[in-house]
Amino acid sequence: MDYKQFKGRVQNLPIILSRHVIRLAEDKQNIRNQLERWRARGLVVRLRRGAYLLNPDDRRINPSKTYIANQLYAPSYVSMEYALNYYGLIPERVSTVTSITTKKTFRVINALGTFTYQHVKPAAFRAFTAAKDEAGLNFFIAEPEKAVVDFLYLNLKEFRDDEHAAVFEKSYRLQNTDILKTGKVMEFAKVFGSGKLRRVAVSLCAFIRKEGGR
């Protein structure tokens, strides 16, 4: 199979996975070798082992980094700083896509950027919702309150009991907190089973109310 034939068969796929490729040829090793040669020529982009994109000029679908993040390591949902920026809760643009998973902590670096995956226990793997990217592809992302709680949990070492509010406002520059519901913040904090996280969440709720939230 030459590249033109390959391209014609996979152009409508958002991501090219090994299982798609293997179906295209009887000689599995040959098609794997072809993929490596096409990658070296810049015709395909390797996202991780067994996952590829066509080059930008040849692909018909341009999946978002959030969709790709879900596909590279599952089960997972986008959270942390990337989700906080998505909801307008922090002003900084975020390049690394961080997701939450029940599997082990993992990181992928490819031509599109860095994708990190943080482990939580199964009881805390919840409160995410489906959204659509610009290509119309579904991806999972934390609800706003869960993105905040995930972030607090995985940064607990940054908090001292006497300076929570200063960290929210000055270090993390939380904004637009009126979109957050304090009841949900406390509900999601409890599932982690951490007393320190609950104390930080209580302080966050006070900060949200001070900023006009509920």
C-alpha atoms as a PDB file:
ATOM      1  CA  MET A   1       0.000   0.000   0.000  1.00  0.00           C
ATOM      2  CA  ASP A   2       1.374   3.394  -0.934  1.00  0.00           C
ATOM      3  CA  TYR A   3       0.777   6.606   0.996  1.00  0.00           C
ATOM      4  CA  LYS A   4      -1.914   7.868  -1.394  1.00  0.00           C
ATOM      5  CA  GLN A   5      -3.979   4.718  -0.847  1.00  0.00           C
ATOM      6  CA  PHE A   6      -3.430   4.896   2.908  1.00  0.00           C
ATOM      7  CA  LYS A   7      -4.419   8.555   3.045  1.00  0.00           C
ATOM      8  CA  GLY A   8      -7.636   7.892   1.139  1.00  0.00           C
ATOM      9  CA  ARG A   9      -8.676   5.249   3.652  1.00  0.00           C
ATOM     10  CA  VAL A  10      -7.958   7.157   6.854  1.00  0.00           C
ATOM     11  CA  GLN A  11      -8.616  10.825   6.011  1.00  0.00           C
ATOM     12  CA  ASN A  12     -11.987  10.789   7.721  1.00  0.00           C
ATOM     13  CA  LEU A  13     -10.651   9.413  11.012  1.00  0.00           C
ATOM     14  CA  PRO A  14      -9.878  11.956  13.754  1.00  0.00           C
ATOM     15  CA  ILE A  15      -7.045   9.738  15.058  1.00  0.00           C
ATOM     16  CA  ILE A  16      -5.448   6.762  13.321  1.00  0.00           C
ATOM     17  CA  LEU A  17      -5.083   3.872  15.757  1.00  0.00           C
ATOM     18  CA  SER A  18      -3.150   0.636  15.286  1.00  0.00           C
ATOM     19  CA  ARG A  19      -6.359  -1.369  15.014  1.00  0.00           C
ATOM     20  CA  HIS A  20      -7.427   0.776  12.053  1.00  0.00           C
ATOM     21  CA  VAL A  21      -4.074   0.359  10.339  1.00  0.00           C
ATOM     22  CA  ILE A  22      -3.883  -3.409  10.795  1.00  0.00           C
ATOM     23  CA  ARG A  23      -7.220  -3.829   9.050  1.00  0.00           C
ATOM     24  CA  LEU A  24      -5.825  -2.141   5.935  1.00  0.00           C
ATOM     25  CA  ALA A  25      -3.139  -4.679   5.059  1.00  0.00           C
ATOM     26  CA  GLU A  26      -2.526  -8.412   5.307  1.00  0.00           C
ATOM     27  CA  ASP A  27       1.130  -7.877   6.196  1.00  0.00           C
ATOM     28  CA  LYS A  28       0.946  -6.189   9.612  1.00  0.00           C
ATOM     29  CA  GLN A  29       4.692  -5.695   9.977  1.00  0.00           C
ATOM     30  CA  ASN A  30       4.957  -4.115   6.547  1.00  0.00           C
ATOM     31  CA  ILE A  31       2.300  -1.490   7.326  1.00  0.00           C
ATOM     32  CA  ARG A  32       4.043  -0.717  10.636  1.00  0.00           C
ATOM     33  CA  ASN A  33       7.306  -0.207   8.750  1.00  0.00           C
ATOM     34  CA  GLN A  34       5.475   2.009   6.261  1.00  0.00           C
ATOM     35  CA  LEU A  35       4.126   4.153   9.078  1.00  0.00           C
ATOM     36  CA  GLU A  36       7.644   4.719  10.391  1.00  0.00           C
ATOM     37  CA  ARG A  37       8.876   5.720   6.948  1.00  0.00           C
ATOM     38  CA  TRP A  38       5.925   8.083   6.466  1.00  0.00           C
ATOM     39  CA  ARG A  39       6.566   9.536   9.921  1.00  0.00           C
ATOM     40  CA  ALA A  40      10.196  10.202   9.032  1.00  0.00           C
ATOM     41  CA  ARG A  41       9.023  12.029   5.884  1.00  0.00           C
ATOM     42  CA  GLY A  42       6.505  14.102   7.844  1.00  0.00           C
ATOM     43  CA  LEU A  43       3.486  12.486   6.213  1.00  0.00           C
ATOM     44  CA  VAL A  44       2.096  11.191   9.511  1.00  0.00           C
ATOM     45  CA  VAL A  45       2.462  12.487  13.059  1.00  0.00           C
ATOM     46  CA  ARG A  46       3.074   9.960  15.830  1.00  0.00           C
ATOM     47  CA  LEU A  47       1.090  10.833  18.962  1.00  0.00           C
ATOM     48  CA  ARG A  48       2.209   7.817  20.972  1.00  0.00           C
ATOM     49  CA  ARG A  49       2.762   4.145  20.263  1.00  0.00           C
ATOM     50  CA  GLY A  50      -0.168   2.973  18.163  1.00  0.00           C
ATOM     51  CA  ALA A  51      -1.736   6.414  17.588  1.00  0.00           C
ATOM     52  CA  TYR A  52      -1.129   8.763  14.658  1.00  0.00           C
ATOM     53  CA  LEU A  53      -2.478  11.751  12.749  1.00  0.00           C
ATOM     54  CA  LEU A  54      -2.073  12.565   9.097  1.00  0.00           C
ATOM     55  CA  ASN A  55       0.018  15.660   8.454  1.00  0.00           C
ATOM     56  CA  PRO A  56      -1.958  18.964   8.636  1.00  0.00           C
ATOM     57  CA  ASP A  57      -2.217  19.347   4.853  1.00  0.00           C
ATOM     58  CA  ASP A  58      -3.734  15.907   4.313  1.00  0.00           C
ATOM     59  CA  ARG A  59      -6.079  15.444   7.246  1.00  0.00           C
ATOM     60  CA  ARG A  60      -9.744  16.363   6.851  1.00  0.00           C
ATOM     61  CA  ILE A  61     -10.522  16.433  10.562  1.00  0.00           C
ATOM     62  CA  ASN A  62      -8.505  18.499  13.033  1.00  0.00           C
ATOM     63  CA  PRO A  63      -9.167  17.069  16.501  1.00  0.00           C
ATOM     64  CA  SER A  64      -8.593  19.296  19.514  1.00  0.00           C
ATOM     65  CA  LYS A  65      -5.935  18.617  22.109  1.00  0.00           C
ATOM     66  CA  THR A  66      -8.736  17.866  24.566  1.00  0.00           C
ATOM     67  CA  TYR A  67     -10.150  15.131  22.300  1.00  0.00           C
ATOM     68  CA  ILE A  68      -6.672  13.731  21.704  1.00  0.00           C
ATOM     69  CA  ALA A  69      -5.971  13.730  25.445  1.00  0.00           C
ATOM     70  CA  ASN A  70      -9.019  11.526  26.044  1.00  0.00           C
ATOM     71  CA  GLN A  71      -7.954   9.113  23.308  1.00  0.00           C
ATOM     72  CA  LEU A  72      -4.287   8.699  24.207  1.00  0.00           C
ATOM     73  CA  TYR A  73      -4.899   7.315  27.704  1.00  0.00           C
ATOM     74  CA  ALA A  74      -8.249   6.029  28.873  1.00  0.00           C
ATOM     75  CA  PRO A  75     -10.200   6.254  31.031  1.00  0.00           C
ATOM     76  CA  SER A  76      -9.438   9.922  31.555  1.00  0.00           C
ATOM     77  CA  TYR A  77     -10.988  13.366  31.567  1.00  0.00           C
ATOM     78  CA  VAL A  78      -9.369  16.781  31.108  1.00  0.00           C
ATOM     79  CA  SER A  79      -8.981  18.740  34.351  1.00  0.00           C
ATOM     80  CA  MET A  80      -6.550  20.865  36.366  1.00  0.00           C
ATOM     81  CA  GLU A  81      -5.107  24.059  34.817  1.00  0.00           C
ATOM     82  CA  TYR A  82      -6.276  23.301  31.298  1.00  0.00           C
ATOM     83  CA  ALA A  83      -9.880  22.968  32.455  1.00  0.00           C
ATOM     84  CA  LEU A  84      -9.570  26.015  34.727  1.00  0.00           C
ATOM     85  CA  ASN A  85      -8.504  28.098  31.733  1.00  0.00           C
ATOM     86  CA  TYR A  86     -11.248  26.518  29.585  1.00  0.00           C
ATOM     87  CA  TYR A  87     -13.837  27.804  32.086  1.00  0.00           C
ATOM     88  CA  GLY A  88     -12.149  31.195  32.494  1.00  0.00           C
ATOM     89  CA  LEU A  89     -11.243  30.520  36.117  1.00  0.00           C
ATOM     90  CA  ILE A  90      -7.591  31.470  35.594  1.00  0.00           C
ATOM     91  CA  PRO A  91      -6.305  34.085  33.140  1.00  0.00           C
ATOM     92  CA  GLU A  92      -3.221  32.261  31.887  1.00  0.00           C
ATOM     93  CA  ARG A  93      -3.216  30.275  28.680  1.00  0.00           C
ATOM     94  CA  VAL A  94      -2.229  26.680  29.362  1.00  0.00           C
ATOM     95  CA  SER A  95      -0.311  24.551  26.873  1.00  0.00           C
ATOM     96  CA  THR A  96       0.022  21.270  28.771  1.00  0.00           C
ATOM     97  CA  VAL A  97      -3.191  19.248  28.863  1.00  0.00           C
ATOM     98  CA  THR A  98      -3.524  17.567  32.244  1.00  0.00           C
ATOM     99  CA  SER A  99      -6.105  14.840  32.722  1.00  0.00           C
ATOM    100  CA  ILE A 100      -7.321  12.718  35.608  1.00  0.00           C
ATOM    101  CA  THR A 101      -7.244   8.931  35.386  1.00  0.00           C
ATOM    102  CA  THR A 102      -7.693   5.887  37.596  1.00  0.00           C
ATOM    103  CA  LYS A 103      -4.641   4.333  35.927  1.00  0.00           C
ATOM    104  CA  LYS A 104      -1.050   5.115  36.881  1.00  0.00           C
ATOM    105  CA  THR A 105       0.403   8.588  36.388  1.00  0.00           C
ATOM    106  CA  PHE A 106       1.619   8.978  32.816  1.00  0.00           C
ATOM    107  CA  ARG A 107       2.994  11.549  30.397  1.00  0.00           C
ATOM    108  CA  VAL A 108       3.096  11.797  26.603  1.00  0.00           C
ATOM    109  CA  ILE A 109       5.164  14.332  24.679  1.00  0.00           C
ATOM    110  CA  ASN A 110       4.593  14.633  20.943  1.00  0.00           C
ATOM    111  CA  ALA A 111       4.532  17.230  18.164  1.00  0.00           C
ATOM    112  CA  LEU A 112       1.293  18.705  19.536  1.00  0.00           C
ATOM    113  CA  GLY A 113       2.608  19.280  23.033  1.00  0.00           C
ATOM    114  CA  THR A 114       2.627  17.616  26.446  1.00  0.00           C
ATOM    115  CA  PHE A 115      -0.218  15.479  27.796  1.00  0.00           C
ATOM    116  CA  THR A 116      -0.048  14.480  31.460  1.00  0.00           C
ATOM    117  CA  TYR A 117      -2.292  12.111  33.390  1.00  0.00           C
ATOM    118  CA  GLN A 118      -2.644  12.242  37.171  1.00  0.00           C
ATOM    119  CA  HIS A 119      -3.890   9.259  39.149  1.00  0.00           C
ATOM    120  CA  VAL A 120      -6.795   9.460  41.598  1.00  0.00           C
ATOM    121  CA  LYS A 121      -8.606   6.667  43.394  1.00  0.00           C
ATOM    122  CA  PRO A 122     -11.737   5.339  41.613  1.00  0.00           C
ATOM    123  CA  ALA A 123     -14.113   7.028  44.112  1.00  0.00           C
ATOM    124  CA  ALA A 124     -12.748  10.432  43.037  1.00  0.00           C
ATOM    125  CA  PHE A 125     -13.016   9.688  39.312  1.00  0.00           C
ATOM    126  CA  ARG A 126     -16.315  11.477  38.783  1.00  0.00           C
ATOM    127  CA  ALA A 127     -18.021  14.814  38.045  1.00  0.00           C
ATOM    128  CA  PHE A 128     -16.935  15.184  34.440  1.00  0.00           C
ATOM    129  CA  THR A 129     -19.110  16.052  31.471  1.00  0.00           C
ATOM    130  CA  ALA A 130     -19.094  15.631  27.692  1.00  0.00           C
ATOM    131  CA  ALA A 131     -18.307  18.655  25.532  1.00  0.00           C
ATOM    132  CA  LYS A 132     -17.703  19.155  21.816  1.00  0.00           C
ATOM    133  CA  ASP A 133     -14.603  20.619  20.210  1.00  0.00           C
ATOM    134  CA  GLU A 134     -14.471  22.764  17.073  1.00  0.00           C
ATOM    135  CA  ALA A 135     -14.430  19.640  14.901  1.00  0.00           C
ATOM    136  CA  GLY A 136     -17.633  18.394  16.562  1.00  0.00           C
ATOM    137  CA  LEU A 137     -15.807  15.624  18.430  1.00  0.00           C
ATOM    138  CA  ASN A 138     -16.859  14.692  21.953  1.00  0.00           C
ATOM    139  CA  PHE A 139     -14.405  14.852  24.838  1.00  0.00           C
ATOM    140  CA  PHE A 140     -14.710  14.535  28.598  1.00  0.00           C
ATOM    141  CA  ILE A 141     -13.790  17.447  30.847  1.00  0.00           C
ATOM    142  CA  ALA A 142     -14.213  18.031  34.574  1.00  0.00           C
ATOM    143  CA  GLU A 143     -17.109  20.136  35.767  1.00  0.00           C
ATOM    144  CA  PRO A 144     -15.783  23.542  36.918  1.00  0.00           C
ATOM    145  CA  GLU A 145     -15.973  22.673  40.623  1.00  0.00           C
ATOM    146  CA  LYS A 146     -14.272  19.307  40.079  1.00  0.00           C
ATOM    147  CA  ALA A 147     -11.470  20.906  38.066  1.00  0.00           C
ATOM    148  CA  VAL A 148     -10.806  23.206  41.029  1.00  0.00           C
ATOM    149  CA  VAL A 149     -10.949  20.384  43.581  1.00  0.00           C
ATOM    150  CA  ASP A 150      -8.683  18.147  41.475  1.00  0.00           C
ATOM    151  CA  PHE A 151      -6.235  21.034  41.288  1.00  0.00           C
ATOM    152  CA  LEU A 152      -6.357  21.649  45.052  1.00  0.00           C
ATOM    153  CA  TYR A 153      -5.913  17.952  45.840  1.00  0.00           C
ATOM    154  CA  LEU A 154      -2.871  17.562  43.616  1.00  0.00           C
ATOM    155  CA  ASN A 155      -1.320  20.778  44.982  1.00  0.00           C
ATOM    156  CA  LEU A 156      -2.078  20.326  48.688  1.00  0.00           C
ATOM    157  CA  LYS A 157       1.571  20.732  49.632  1.00  0.00           C
ATOM    158  CA  GLU A 158       1.331  24.377  48.515  1.00  0.00           C
ATOM    159  CA  PHE A 159      -1.174  25.219  51.255  1.00  0.00           C
ATOM    160  CA  ARG A 160      -0.462  26.198  54.841  1.00  0.00           C
ATOM    161  CA  ASP A 161      -3.455  26.422  57.155  1.00  0.00           C
ATOM    162  CA  ASP A 162      -3.037  30.148  57.731  1.00  0.00           C
ATOM    163  CA  GLU A 163      -2.737  31.400  54.157  1.00  0.00           C
ATOM    164  CA  HIS A 164      -5.321  29.693  51.943  1.00  0.00           C
ATOM    165  CA  ALA A 165      -6.956  32.905  50.722  1.00  0.00           C
ATOM    166  CA  ALA A 166      -3.647  34.428  49.674  1.00  0.00           C
ATOM    167  CA  VAL A 167      -2.843  31.380  47.571  1.00  0.00           C
ATOM    168  CA  PHE A 168      -6.231  31.511  45.806  1.00  0.00           C
ATOM    169  CA  GLU A 169      -5.975  35.180  44.949  1.00  0.00           C
ATOM    170  CA  LYS A 170      -2.275  35.883  44.470  1.00  0.00           C
ATOM    171  CA  SER A 171      -0.592  32.625  43.516  1.00  0.00           C
ATOM    172  CA  TYR A 172      -3.330  30.948  41.478  1.00  0.00           C
ATOM    173  CA  ARG A 173      -5.121  34.158  40.434  1.00  0.00           C
ATOM    174  CA  LEU A 174      -8.560  32.564  40.558  1.00  0.00           C
ATOM    175  CA  GLN A 175     -11.180  34.693  38.801  1.00  0.00           C
ATOM    176  CA  ASN A 176     -14.832  34.436  37.730  1.00  0.00           C
ATOM    177  CA  THR A 177     -15.447  32.268  40.783  1.00  0.00           C
ATOM    178  CA  ASP A 178     -19.110  33.262  40.791  1.00  0.00           C
ATOM    179  CA  ILE A 179     -19.694  30.368  38.348  1.00  0.00           C
ATOM    180  CA  LEU A 180     -18.710  27.904  41.092  1.00  0.00           C
ATOM    181  CA  LYS A 181     -21.252  26.370  43.458  1.00  0.00           C
ATOM    182  CA  THR A 182     -19.845  25.959  46.931  1.00  0.00           C
ATOM    183  CA  GLY A 183     -22.044  22.949  47.659  1.00  0.00           C
ATOM    184  CA  LYS A 184     -20.487  21.090  44.764  1.00  0.00           C
ATOM    185  CA  VAL A 185     -16.993  22.100  45.835  1.00  0.00           C
ATOM    186  CA  MET A 186     -17.529  20.531  49.254  1.00  0.00           C
ATOM    187  CA  GLU A 187     -19.259  17.463  47.808  1.00  0.00           C
ATOM    188  CA  PHE A 188     -16.351  16.749  45.459  1.00  0.00           C
ATOM    189  CA  ALA A 189     -13.716  17.469  48.116  1.00  0.00           C
ATOM    190  CA  LYS A 190     -15.197  14.876  50.476  1.00  0.00           C
ATOM    191  CA  VAL A 191     -14.754  11.965  48.033  1.00  0.00           C
ATOM    192  CA  PHE A 192     -10.954  12.220  48.313  1.00  0.00           C
ATOM    193  CA  GLY A 193     -11.059  11.405  52.029  1.00  0.00           C
ATOM    194  CA  SER A 194      -8.485  14.065  52.924  1.00  0.00           C
ATOM    195  CA  GLY A 195      -9.006  16.255  55.980  1.00  0.00           C
ATOM    196  CA  LYS A 196      -6.564  18.849  54.701  1.00  0.00           C
ATOM    197  CA  LEU A 197      -8.373  19.026  51.360  1.00  0.00           C
ATOM    198  CA  ARG A 198     -11.688  19.595  53.142  1.00  0.00           C
ATOM    199  CA  ARG A 199     -10.142  22.447  55.155  1.00  0.00           C
ATOM    200  CA  VAL A 200      -8.742  24.049  52.014  1.00  0.00           C
ATOM    201  CA  ALA A 201     -12.122  23.591  50.301  1.00  0.00           C
ATOM    202  CA  VAL A 202     -13.878  25.366  53.188  1.00  0.00           C
ATOM    203  CA  SER A 203     -11.495  28.307  52.736  1.00  0.00           C
ATOM    204  CA  LEU A 204     -12.102  28.265  48.995  1.00  0.00           C
ATOM    205  CA  CYS A 205     -15.851  28.407  49.558  1.00  0.00           C
ATOM    206  CA  ALA A 206     -15.403  31.427  51.814  1.00  0.00           C
ATOM    207  CA  PHE A 207     -13.301  33.046  49.084  1.00  0.00           C
ATOM    208  CA  ILE A 208     -15.997  32.282  46.477  1.00  0.00           C
ATOM    209  CA  ARG A 209     -18.705  33.875  48.624  1.00  0.00           C
ATOM    210  CA  LYS A 210     -16.492  36.914  49.244  1.00  0.00           C
ATOM    211  CA  GLU A 211     -16.173  37.290  45.459  1.00  0.00           C
ATOM    212  CA  GLY A 212     -19.959  37.158  45.015  1.00  0.00           C
ATOM    213  CA  GLY A 213     -20.478  33.454  44.452  1.00  0.00           C
ATOM    214  CA  ARG A 214     -22.812  31.077  46.263  1.00  0.00           C
END
